[in-house]
N, C-alpha and C. Protein backbone atom coordinates (compact mmCIF):
# COMPACT_ATOMS: atom_id res chain seq x y z
N MET A 1 8.52 11.68 14.82
CA MET A 1 9.34 10.58 15.79
C MET A 1 10.22 12.20 15.85
N LYS A 2 10.80 12.10 17.33
CA LYS A 2 11.75 12.76 17.92
C LYS A 2 13.35 12.26 17.74
N GLN A 3 13.91 13.08 17.16
CA GLN A 3 15.39 12.64 16.81
C GLN A 3 16.29 13.67 16.24
N LYS A 4 17.69 13.37 16.73
CA LYS A 4 18.55 14.92 16.50
C LYS A 4 18.77 14.90 15.18
N PHE A 5 18.87 15.67 14.45
CA PHE A 5 19.08 16.11 13.24
C PHE A 5 20.66 16.74 13.07
N ASP A 6 21.76 16.00 12.12
CA ASP A 6 22.86 16.51 11.92
C ASP A 6 23.31 16.97 10.59
N ILE A 7 24.07 15.22 10.06
CA ILE A 7 24.00 15.46 8.50
C ILE A 7 23.18 14.08 7.77
N ILE A 8 22.71 14.30 7.06
CA ILE A 8 21.95 13.65 6.02
C ILE A 8 22.39 13.14 4.72
N GLU A 9 23.31 11.97 4.44
CA GLU A 9 23.05 11.35 3.16
C GLU A 9 22.16 10.28 2.83
N SER A 10 21.44 10.35 1.90
CA SER A 10 20.57 9.45 1.00
C SER A 10 20.05 9.94 0.16
N THR A 11 19.79 8.76 -0.80
CA THR A 11 18.71 8.59 -2.23
C THR A 11 17.57 9.60 -1.86
N CYS A 12 16.99 9.52 -3.36
CA CYS A 12 15.65 10.57 -3.31
C CYS A 12 14.80 10.03 -3.90
N VAL A 13 13.35 10.35 -3.29
CA VAL A 13 12.03 9.96 -4.12
C VAL A 13 11.38 11.46 -4.81
N PRO A 14 11.97 11.67 -6.18
CA PRO A 14 11.04 12.10 -6.93
C PRO A 14 10.05 12.95 -6.93
N LEU A 15 9.80 13.75 -7.05
CA LEU A 15 7.76 14.00 -7.14
C LEU A 15 7.75 15.09 -7.75
N PRO A 16 7.90 15.27 -9.06
CA PRO A 16 7.99 16.43 -9.72
C PRO A 16 6.74 17.12 -10.24
N VAL A 17 5.87 17.26 -9.47
CA VAL A 17 4.48 17.77 -9.20
C VAL A 17 4.55 19.32 -8.26
N GLU A 18 3.85 20.19 -9.46
CA GLU A 18 3.80 21.40 -8.49
C GLU A 18 2.12 21.51 -7.66
N ASN A 19 1.94 21.90 -6.83
CA ASN A 19 0.85 22.74 -6.03
C ASN A 19 0.27 21.51 -5.62
N VAL A 20 1.57 20.66 -5.10
CA VAL A 20 0.75 19.55 -4.18
C VAL A 20 -0.23 19.92 -2.94
N ASP A 21 -1.30 19.95 -2.89
CA ASP A 21 -2.15 20.16 -1.70
C ASP A 21 -1.97 19.15 -0.69
N THR A 22 -2.63 19.71 0.65
CA THR A 22 -2.22 18.95 1.73
C THR A 22 -3.38 17.65 1.57
N ASP A 23 -4.56 17.55 0.99
CA ASP A 23 -5.31 16.71 0.62
C ASP A 23 -4.73 15.60 -0.29
N GLN A 24 -4.08 16.04 -1.33
CA GLN A 24 -3.34 14.86 -1.75
C GLN A 24 -2.60 14.18 -1.27
N ILE A 25 -1.81 14.93 -0.17
CA ILE A 25 -0.73 14.15 0.84
C ILE A 25 -1.38 13.18 1.37
N ILE A 26 -2.18 13.59 2.35
CA ILE A 26 -3.11 12.73 3.12
C ILE A 26 -4.82 13.42 3.10
N PRO A 27 -5.55 12.44 2.56
CA PRO A 27 -7.08 12.58 2.01
C PRO A 27 -7.90 13.01 3.37
N ALA A 28 -8.68 13.96 3.17
CA ALA A 28 -9.57 14.31 4.14
C ALA A 28 -10.23 13.29 5.01
N ARG A 29 -10.66 11.95 4.26
CA ARG A 29 -11.38 10.93 5.40
C ARG A 29 -10.31 10.68 6.44
N PHE A 30 -8.90 10.58 6.01
CA PHE A 30 -8.13 9.91 7.10
C PHE A 30 -7.94 11.19 8.34
N LEU A 31 -8.46 12.26 8.53
CA LEU A 31 -8.66 13.53 9.34
C LEU A 31 -9.42 13.11 10.44
N LYS A 32 -10.42 11.95 10.09
CA LYS A 32 -11.25 11.55 11.63
C LYS A 32 -10.61 10.57 12.09
N ALA A 33 -8.97 10.15 11.67
CA ALA A 33 -8.65 9.14 13.02
C ALA A 33 -8.81 9.68 13.73
N THR A 34 -8.75 8.16 14.83
CA THR A 34 -8.51 8.68 16.53
C THR A 34 -7.02 8.35 16.73
N THR A 35 -5.96 8.24 16.02
CA THR A 35 -4.80 7.56 16.47
C THR A 35 -4.13 8.67 15.72
N ARG A 36 -2.80 9.00 16.52
CA ARG A 36 -1.83 9.55 16.03
C ARG A 36 -0.74 8.64 15.69
N ASP A 37 -0.71 7.63 15.33
CA ASP A 37 0.08 6.59 15.33
C ASP A 37 0.69 6.75 13.77
N GLU A 38 2.41 7.25 13.84
CA GLU A 38 3.03 7.58 12.67
C GLU A 38 2.58 6.74 11.34
N ALA A 39 2.74 5.19 11.64
CA ALA A 39 2.51 4.15 10.92
C ALA A 39 1.26 4.33 9.73
N PHE A 40 0.52 4.23 10.74
CA PHE A 40 -1.16 4.89 9.96
C PHE A 40 -1.31 5.71 8.83
N PHE A 41 -0.41 6.76 9.48
CA PHE A 41 -0.66 7.81 8.41
C PHE A 41 0.42 7.91 7.45
N GLY A 42 1.55 7.11 7.63
CA GLY A 42 3.01 6.81 6.80
C GLY A 42 1.80 5.74 5.37
N GLU A 43 1.28 4.83 5.93
CA GLU A 43 0.76 4.16 5.27
C GLU A 43 -0.25 4.67 4.10
N ASN A 44 -0.34 6.02 4.71
CA ASN A 44 -1.75 6.58 3.56
C ASN A 44 -1.43 7.61 2.89
N LEU A 45 -0.01 7.74 3.21
CA LEU A 45 0.76 8.81 1.98
C LEU A 45 0.37 9.24 0.93
N PHE A 46 -0.07 9.89 0.10
CA PHE A 46 -0.60 10.02 -1.29
C PHE A 46 -1.35 8.49 -1.55
N ARG A 47 -1.95 8.71 -0.57
CA ARG A 47 -3.09 7.43 -0.56
C ARG A 47 -3.81 6.96 -2.09
N ASP A 48 -4.21 8.60 -2.50
CA ASP A 48 -5.31 8.38 -4.08
C ASP A 48 -4.24 8.23 -4.91
N TRP A 49 -3.18 8.68 -4.90
CA TRP A 49 -2.00 8.71 -5.84
C TRP A 49 -1.10 6.94 -5.75
N ARG A 50 -1.22 6.66 -5.13
CA ARG A 50 -0.45 5.39 -4.53
C ARG A 50 -1.17 3.94 -4.73
N TYR A 51 -2.27 3.98 -4.86
CA TYR A 51 -2.96 3.12 -4.63
C TYR A 51 -4.24 2.71 -5.42
N ASP A 52 -5.17 2.07 -6.26
CA ASP A 52 -6.54 2.17 -6.98
C ASP A 52 -7.71 1.83 -6.04
N ALA A 53 -8.67 2.03 -6.61
CA ALA A 53 -10.04 1.83 -5.96
C ALA A 53 -10.09 0.48 -5.16
N SER A 54 -9.29 -0.59 -5.67
CA SER A 54 -9.52 -1.95 -4.53
C SER A 54 -8.34 -2.16 -3.64
N GLY A 55 -7.45 -0.85 -3.69
CA GLY A 55 -6.56 -0.51 -2.70
C GLY A 55 -5.16 -1.66 -3.14
N GLN A 56 -4.91 -1.61 -4.10
CA GLN A 56 -3.52 -2.48 -4.65
C GLN A 56 -2.82 -1.27 -5.33
N PRO A 57 -1.42 -1.04 -4.94
CA PRO A 57 -0.63 -0.33 -5.30
C PRO A 57 -0.51 0.21 -6.55
N LYS A 58 -0.29 1.33 -7.18
CA LYS A 58 -0.22 1.65 -8.46
C LYS A 58 1.24 1.19 -8.82
N PRO A 59 1.36 0.78 -9.88
CA PRO A 59 2.97 0.47 -10.32
C PRO A 59 3.87 1.63 -10.36
N ASP A 60 2.90 2.78 -11.65
CA ASP A 60 3.71 3.54 -11.92
C ASP A 60 4.31 5.04 -10.75
N PHE A 61 3.37 4.80 -9.87
CA PHE A 61 3.75 5.81 -8.51
C PHE A 61 4.90 5.86 -7.86
N VAL A 62 5.55 6.83 -8.05
CA VAL A 62 6.97 7.11 -7.23
C VAL A 62 7.10 6.19 -6.28
N LEU A 63 6.01 5.86 -5.11
CA LEU A 63 6.40 5.25 -3.99
C LEU A 63 6.51 3.94 -3.91
N ASN A 64 5.83 3.66 -5.08
CA ASN A 64 5.75 2.22 -5.23
C ASN A 64 6.80 1.70 -6.48
N ARG A 65 7.74 2.58 -6.73
CA ARG A 65 8.79 1.85 -7.84
C ARG A 65 10.16 1.61 -6.73
N PRO A 66 10.08 0.12 -7.13
CA PRO A 66 11.62 -0.02 -6.27
C PRO A 66 12.72 0.34 -6.39
N GLU A 67 12.73 1.54 -7.65
CA GLU A 67 14.12 2.20 -7.84
C GLU A 67 14.49 3.49 -7.20
N TYR A 68 13.48 3.85 -6.13
CA TYR A 68 13.50 5.00 -5.72
C TYR A 68 12.96 4.73 -4.11
N GLY A 69 14.02 5.31 -3.57
CA GLY A 69 14.32 5.30 -1.90
C GLY A 69 15.03 6.26 -1.17
N GLY A 70 14.98 6.19 0.16
CA GLY A 70 15.78 6.92 0.85
C GLY A 70 14.76 7.97 1.46
N CYS A 71 15.58 8.79 2.52
CA CYS A 71 14.93 9.42 3.78
C CYS A 71 14.48 11.01 3.03
N ILE A 72 14.51 11.30 1.79
CA ILE A 72 14.34 12.78 1.35
C ILE A 72 13.35 12.56 0.25
N LEU A 73 12.31 13.57 -0.03
CA LEU A 73 11.39 13.85 -0.89
C LEU A 73 11.69 14.86 -1.23
N VAL A 74 11.65 14.84 -2.89
CA VAL A 74 12.14 16.04 -3.52
C VAL A 74 10.68 16.02 -4.66
N ALA A 75 10.22 17.32 -4.09
CA ALA A 75 9.16 17.68 -4.76
C ALA A 75 9.19 19.35 -5.42
N GLY A 76 7.55 19.20 -6.15
CA GLY A 76 7.93 20.52 -6.78
C GLY A 76 7.38 21.81 -6.16
N LYS A 77 6.91 22.76 -6.74
CA LYS A 77 7.35 24.16 -6.30
C LYS A 77 5.44 23.98 -5.47
N ASN A 78 5.19 24.54 -4.66
CA ASN A 78 4.22 24.81 -4.03
C ASN A 78 4.21 23.46 -3.63
N PHE A 79 4.88 22.99 -2.71
CA PHE A 79 4.46 22.27 -1.75
C PHE A 79 3.85 22.51 -0.32
N GLY A 80 2.14 21.42 -0.19
CA GLY A 80 1.95 21.53 0.97
C GLY A 80 0.86 22.91 0.90
N SER A 81 0.53 23.09 0.08
CA SER A 81 -0.92 24.33 -0.28
C SER A 81 -2.02 23.36 0.44
N GLY A 82 -2.79 24.55 0.17
CA GLY A 82 -4.44 23.74 0.45
C GLY A 82 -4.40 24.02 2.06
N SER A 83 -5.33 23.01 3.05
CA SER A 83 -5.55 23.10 4.08
C SER A 83 -4.84 23.15 5.15
N SER A 84 -4.88 23.63 6.55
CA SER A 84 -3.68 23.92 7.42
C SER A 84 -3.30 22.28 8.14
N ARG A 85 -4.37 21.53 7.87
CA ARG A 85 -4.11 19.86 8.23
C ARG A 85 -2.43 19.39 8.75
N GLU A 86 -2.11 19.47 10.01
CA GLU A 86 -1.22 18.54 10.26
C GLU A 86 -0.86 17.39 10.11
N HIS A 87 -2.50 16.57 9.91
CA HIS A 87 -1.79 15.33 9.68
C HIS A 87 -1.20 15.00 8.04
N ALA A 88 -1.14 15.90 7.20
CA ALA A 88 0.04 15.77 6.03
C ALA A 88 1.39 15.31 6.66
N ALA A 89 2.08 16.57 7.45
CA ALA A 89 3.18 16.51 8.29
C ALA A 89 3.51 14.86 8.89
N TRP A 90 2.27 14.63 9.60
CA TRP A 90 2.39 13.41 10.33
C TRP A 90 2.67 12.44 9.44
N ALA A 91 1.89 12.12 8.08
CA ALA A 91 2.17 10.98 7.37
C ALA A 91 3.61 11.28 6.50
N ILE A 92 4.09 12.44 5.73
CA ILE A 92 5.21 12.56 5.47
C ILE A 92 6.23 11.85 6.66
N ALA A 93 6.09 12.45 7.72
CA ALA A 93 7.45 11.77 8.81
C ALA A 93 6.85 10.28 9.00
N GLY A 94 5.72 10.03 9.05
CA GLY A 94 5.16 8.21 9.41
C GLY A 94 5.94 7.57 7.99
N TYR A 95 5.96 7.99 6.76
CA TYR A 95 6.35 7.37 5.98
C TYR A 95 7.81 6.68 5.86
N GLY A 96 8.55 7.86 6.71
CA GLY A 96 9.92 7.69 6.83
C GLY A 96 10.77 8.65 6.45
N PHE A 97 10.06 9.75 5.93
CA PHE A 97 11.06 10.77 5.26
C PHE A 97 11.34 11.84 6.34
N LYS A 98 12.73 12.36 6.09
CA LYS A 98 13.26 13.25 7.38
C LYS A 98 13.46 14.64 6.59
N VAL A 99 13.45 14.86 5.30
CA VAL A 99 13.89 16.05 4.48
C VAL A 99 12.93 15.96 3.35
N VAL A 100 12.29 17.48 3.25
CA VAL A 100 11.69 17.58 2.03
C VAL A 100 11.82 18.46 1.62
N ILE A 101 12.38 18.10 0.40
CA ILE A 101 13.02 19.66 -0.93
C ILE A 101 12.00 20.05 -1.84
N SER A 102 12.25 21.36 -1.78
CA SER A 102 11.27 21.86 -2.89
C SER A 102 11.48 23.38 -3.28
N SER A 103 11.18 24.01 -4.10
CA SER A 103 11.69 25.33 -4.16
C SER A 103 10.55 26.19 -3.82
N PHE A 104 9.81 25.46 -3.23
CA PHE A 104 8.72 26.89 -2.30
C PHE A 104 7.64 25.75 -1.58
N PHE A 105 7.42 26.21 -0.43
CA PHE A 105 6.49 25.40 0.46
C PHE A 105 5.66 26.62 0.89
N ALA A 106 4.25 25.74 1.22
CA ALA A 106 3.45 26.94 2.22
C ALA A 106 3.71 26.95 3.40
N ASP A 107 3.51 28.02 4.03
CA ASP A 107 3.80 28.51 5.18
C ASP A 107 3.85 27.56 6.40
N ILE A 108 2.41 27.23 6.43
CA ILE A 108 1.54 26.47 7.97
C ILE A 108 2.16 24.94 7.14
N HIS A 109 2.22 24.56 6.25
CA HIS A 109 2.79 22.91 6.16
C HIS A 109 4.25 23.06 6.60
N LYS A 110 5.03 23.95 6.06
CA LYS A 110 6.42 24.21 6.53
C LYS A 110 6.42 23.96 7.78
N ASN A 111 6.06 24.78 8.30
CA ASN A 111 5.80 25.05 9.97
C ASN A 111 5.65 23.47 10.83
N ASN A 112 4.35 22.85 9.90
CA ASN A 112 3.82 21.58 10.58
C ASN A 112 4.94 20.56 10.45
N GLU A 113 5.97 20.51 9.03
CA GLU A 113 6.51 19.78 9.08
C GLU A 113 7.96 19.67 10.25
N LEU A 114 8.39 21.27 10.36
CA LEU A 114 9.46 21.33 11.29
C LEU A 114 8.89 21.21 12.73
N ASN A 115 7.78 20.99 13.17
CA ASN A 115 7.07 20.97 14.31
C ASN A 115 6.91 18.97 14.56
N ASN A 116 7.20 18.75 13.22
CA ASN A 116 7.14 16.84 13.45
C ASN A 116 8.59 16.18 13.04
N PHE A 117 9.75 17.13 13.40
CA PHE A 117 11.30 16.65 12.91
C PHE A 117 11.16 16.47 11.39
N VAL A 118 10.51 16.87 10.52
CA VAL A 118 10.94 16.71 9.35
C VAL A 118 11.43 18.13 8.54
N LEU A 119 12.58 18.15 8.20
CA LEU A 119 13.17 19.16 7.82
C LEU A 119 12.46 20.09 5.89
N PRO A 120 12.23 20.92 6.32
CA PRO A 120 11.44 21.44 4.59
C PRO A 120 12.99 22.18 4.44
N VAL A 121 13.62 21.84 3.25
CA VAL A 121 14.40 22.44 2.61
C VAL A 121 14.26 23.55 1.20
N THR A 122 14.08 24.78 1.30
CA THR A 122 13.93 25.05 0.24
C THR A 122 15.37 26.01 -0.82
N VAL A 123 15.25 25.13 -1.80
CA VAL A 123 15.84 25.33 -3.23
C VAL A 123 15.63 26.38 -4.21
N SER A 124 16.92 26.96 -4.98
CA SER A 124 16.14 27.49 -6.03
C SER A 124 15.68 26.85 -7.07
N GLU A 125 14.46 27.65 -7.91
CA GLU A 125 14.37 26.48 -9.23
C GLU A 125 15.24 25.83 -10.10
N ASP A 126 16.43 26.76 -10.29
CA ASP A 126 17.18 26.13 -10.96
C ASP A 126 17.80 24.47 -10.46
N PHE A 127 18.22 24.86 -9.39
CA PHE A 127 19.09 23.75 -8.45
C PHE A 127 17.99 22.66 -8.16
N LEU A 128 16.81 23.03 -8.20
CA LEU A 128 15.63 21.65 -8.07
C LEU A 128 15.41 20.96 -9.21
N ALA A 129 15.37 21.98 -10.40
CA ALA A 129 15.94 21.09 -11.74
C ALA A 129 16.24 20.20 -11.99
N GLU A 130 17.86 20.62 -11.36
CA GLU A 130 19.03 19.72 -11.37
C GLU A 130 18.84 18.70 -10.29
N ILE A 131 18.00 18.36 -9.76
CA ILE A 131 18.49 17.57 -8.66
C ILE A 131 17.45 16.48 -9.39
N PHE A 132 16.29 16.47 -9.76
CA PHE A 132 15.04 15.92 -10.40
C PHE A 132 16.06 15.39 -11.57
N ALA A 133 16.74 15.96 -12.18
CA ALA A 133 17.57 15.71 -13.49
C ALA A 133 18.56 14.71 -13.47
N THR A 134 19.35 14.82 -12.18
CA THR A 134 19.93 13.60 -11.74
C THR A 134 19.43 12.35 -11.20
N VAL A 135 18.53 12.49 -10.38
CA VAL A 135 17.58 11.68 -9.82
C VAL A 135 17.11 10.53 -10.92
N LYS A 136 16.65 11.35 -11.76
CA LYS A 136 15.98 10.38 -13.10
C LYS A 136 17.38 9.86 -13.71
N ALA A 137 18.02 10.64 -13.99
CA ALA A 137 19.56 9.34 -14.70
C ALA A 137 20.08 8.64 -14.01
N ASP A 138 19.69 8.87 -12.55
CA ASP A 138 19.76 7.63 -11.41
C ASP A 138 19.64 7.91 -10.55
N PRO A 139 18.78 6.82 -10.31
CA PRO A 139 18.09 6.70 -9.17
C PRO A 139 18.91 6.93 -7.78
N SER A 140 19.89 6.02 -7.76
CA SER A 140 20.81 5.74 -6.72
C SER A 140 21.77 7.31 -6.27
N ALA A 141 21.54 8.41 -7.11
CA ALA A 141 22.48 9.10 -7.02
C ALA A 141 21.93 9.74 -5.39
N LYS A 142 22.80 10.31 -4.42
CA LYS A 142 22.58 10.96 -3.21
C LYS A 142 22.85 12.34 -2.89
N LEU A 143 21.80 13.11 -2.18
CA LEU A 143 21.85 14.24 -1.81
C LEU A 143 23.01 14.33 0.00
N ARG A 144 22.91 15.18 0.06
CA ARG A 144 24.15 15.33 1.20
C ARG A 144 23.21 16.78 2.10
N VAL A 145 22.33 16.97 3.26
CA VAL A 145 21.90 17.98 3.62
C VAL A 145 22.46 18.02 5.16
N ASP A 146 22.87 18.95 5.01
CA ASP A 146 24.00 19.16 6.56
C ASP A 146 23.26 20.53 7.28
N LEU A 147 22.58 20.17 7.89
CA LEU A 147 21.72 21.02 8.80
C LEU A 147 22.78 22.10 9.78
N PRO A 148 23.73 21.57 10.22
CA PRO A 148 24.36 22.75 11.01
C PRO A 148 25.32 23.84 10.31
N ALA A 149 25.69 23.31 8.83
CA ALA A 149 26.10 24.14 7.97
C ALA A 149 24.92 24.83 7.03
N GLN A 150 23.67 24.52 6.96
CA GLN A 150 22.22 24.89 6.36
C GLN A 150 23.11 24.63 5.10
N THR A 151 23.15 23.49 4.58
CA THR A 151 23.41 23.43 3.34
C THR A 151 22.79 21.92 2.34
N VAL A 152 22.55 22.03 1.68
CA VAL A 152 22.20 20.60 0.47
C VAL A 152 23.26 20.41 -0.48
N THR A 153 23.86 19.52 -0.83
CA THR A 153 24.86 19.46 -1.85
C THR A 153 24.37 18.08 -2.61
N ASN A 154 24.13 18.15 -3.73
CA ASN A 154 24.27 17.16 -5.10
C ASN A 154 25.32 16.30 -5.11
N LEU A 155 25.66 14.89 -4.44
CA LEU A 155 26.76 14.68 -4.46
C LEU A 155 27.11 14.24 -6.28
N THR A 156 26.35 14.12 -6.94
CA THR A 156 26.78 13.65 -8.47
C THR A 156 27.44 15.09 -9.04
N THR A 157 26.86 16.22 -8.89
CA THR A 157 27.24 17.19 -9.47
C THR A 157 28.47 17.96 -8.75
N GLY A 158 28.22 17.92 -7.37
CA GLY A 158 29.21 18.71 -6.21
C GLY A 158 28.42 20.28 -5.87
N ARG A 159 27.42 20.27 -6.84
CA ARG A 159 26.99 21.51 -6.57
C ARG A 159 26.33 22.03 -5.05
N SER A 160 26.05 22.95 -4.56
CA SER A 160 25.75 22.81 -3.45
C SER A 160 24.87 24.59 -3.08
N GLU A 161 24.06 24.45 -2.40
CA GLU A 161 22.93 25.68 -2.03
C GLU A 161 22.78 25.74 -0.31
N SER A 162 22.72 27.08 -0.09
CA SER A 162 22.49 27.13 1.68
C SER A 162 21.07 26.94 1.47
N PHE A 163 20.25 27.06 2.78
CA PHE A 163 19.07 27.30 2.98
C PHE A 163 18.84 27.77 4.16
N GLU A 164 17.72 28.59 4.47
CA GLU A 164 17.36 29.36 5.54
C GLU A 164 17.00 28.39 6.54
N ILE A 165 16.73 28.66 7.88
CA ILE A 165 15.67 27.99 8.96
C ILE A 165 16.36 29.11 10.16
N SER A 166 14.89 29.10 11.20
CA SER A 166 14.73 29.68 11.97
C SER A 166 15.84 29.39 13.01
N ALA A 167 16.83 30.24 13.88
CA ALA A 167 18.17 29.56 14.73
C ALA A 167 16.93 29.10 15.61
N TYR A 168 15.69 28.98 16.29
CA TYR A 168 15.28 28.20 17.34
C TYR A 168 14.77 27.04 17.01
N LYS A 169 14.35 26.67 15.49
CA LYS A 169 13.65 25.37 14.93
C LYS A 169 15.03 24.46 14.64
N LYS A 170 15.97 25.45 14.08
CA LYS A 170 17.28 24.62 13.96
C LYS A 170 17.95 24.11 15.24
N TYR A 171 17.57 25.19 16.41
CA TYR A 171 18.50 23.94 17.55
C TYR A 171 17.74 23.23 18.24
N CYS A 172 16.03 23.50 17.86
CA CYS A 172 15.23 22.20 17.93
C CYS A 172 15.40 21.01 17.38
N LEU A 173 15.89 20.70 16.26
CA LEU A 173 16.14 19.93 15.46
C LEU A 173 17.42 18.99 15.88
N GLU A 174 18.24 20.05 16.02
CA GLU A 174 20.16 19.61 16.78
C GLU A 174 19.67 19.02 17.62
N ASN A 175 18.45 19.28 18.53
CA ASN A 175 18.74 18.78 20.06
C ASN A 175 17.14 17.60 20.14
N ALA A 176 16.82 17.47 19.02
CA ALA A 176 15.50 16.53 19.57
C ALA A 176 14.48 16.91 20.29
N LEU A 177 14.45 18.83 20.05
CA LEU A 177 13.11 18.92 21.24
C LEU A 177 12.29 19.61 20.34
N ASP A 178 10.94 19.10 21.27
CA ASP A 178 9.79 19.75 20.68
C ASP A 178 9.72 21.17 21.33
N ASP A 179 8.46 21.81 21.26
CA ASP A 179 8.38 23.36 21.93
C ASP A 179 8.26 23.14 23.38
N ILE A 180 7.42 22.14 23.96
CA ILE A 180 7.26 21.96 25.20
C ILE A 180 8.68 21.37 25.74
N ASP A 181 9.51 20.51 24.95
CA ASP A 181 10.45 19.95 25.54
C ASP A 181 11.72 21.26 25.76
N TYR A 182 11.44 22.16 24.82
CA TYR A 182 12.51 23.43 25.01
C TYR A 182 11.77 24.59 26.17
N LEU A 183 10.54 24.44 26.82
CA LEU A 183 10.12 24.97 27.67
C LEU A 183 10.80 24.14 28.81
N LEU A 184 10.77 23.08 28.78
CA LEU A 184 10.91 22.64 29.82
C LEU A 184 12.88 22.20 30.29
N SER A 185 13.41 22.51 29.38
CA SER A 185 14.78 22.69 29.09
C SER A 185 15.41 23.97 29.89
N ARG A 186 14.36 25.27 29.61
CA ARG A 186 14.66 26.01 30.32
C ARG A 186 14.13 26.35 31.39
N ARG A 187 13.39 25.77 32.36
CA ARG A 187 12.23 25.81 33.23
C ARG A 187 13.21 26.82 34.39
N SER A 188 14.26 25.95 34.89
CA SER A 188 15.18 26.92 36.00
C SER A 188 14.94 28.54 35.42
N ARG A 189 15.31 28.55 34.35
CA ARG A 189 15.19 30.18 34.10
C ARG A 189 14.03 30.79 34.02
N ILE A 190 13.16 30.34 33.63
CA ILE A 190 11.68 30.77 33.95
C ILE A 190 11.43 31.08 35.05
N GLU A 191 11.28 29.93 35.86
CA GLU A 191 11.40 29.98 37.53
C GLU A 191 12.10 31.47 38.36
N GLU A 192 13.09 31.57 37.84
CA GLU A 192 14.33 32.82 38.18
C GLU A 192 13.24 34.07 37.65
N TYR A 193 13.07 33.72 36.26
CA TYR A 193 12.65 34.90 35.83
C TYR A 193 11.15 35.68 36.95
N GLU A 194 10.23 34.32 37.15
CA GLU A 194 9.32 34.50 37.59
C GLU A 194 9.06 35.41 39.40
N ARG A 195 10.53 34.42 40.13
CA ARG A 195 10.33 34.82 41.26
C ARG A 195 10.99 36.83 41.14
N SER A 196 11.93 36.72 39.91
CA SER A 196 12.27 38.12 40.21
C SER A 196 10.84 39.36 40.20
N ARG A 197 10.08 38.55 39.58
CA ARG A 197 9.42 39.51 39.33
C ARG A 197 8.06 39.64 40.52
């Protein structure tokens, strides 16, 4: 969903699992869907971890635990590995996550998140471990993600780290622009350049 990014303060959903691949995020059988409806993919985020064979929620899985919520997913190292399916980013956005924090993202998945208005934030492994510990001790603990300043802060401990993002993607997120929107916003300049050639 296109929305302007600025500063987000939220509780978190902790998923301290490493090497979460895109098939775990959204199983391959959902790639045949003919819809692009975010709600459909959001309902099937982590489908095989979230529901049993009869379609009933597994009470021990984090998305089914009422104490955890918010628009920030905190994930283990190497998040989004495996196939390049954009559906994984659709599912994350469709569920309502605006930010995913990890110590490492697979490159293609990271770009897919950015293209779908989900901000992937890379932090140190030490800081990631601190965030997991904070949320485990208090599920109501919040993080502050400041896109303009490019910082993430654990509001419980006060610790903060900077994160990297390309200037282009930062501009697009801050202005709710996808790649086509960005080109259209530069239309007059493009036309002027074409005329001068």
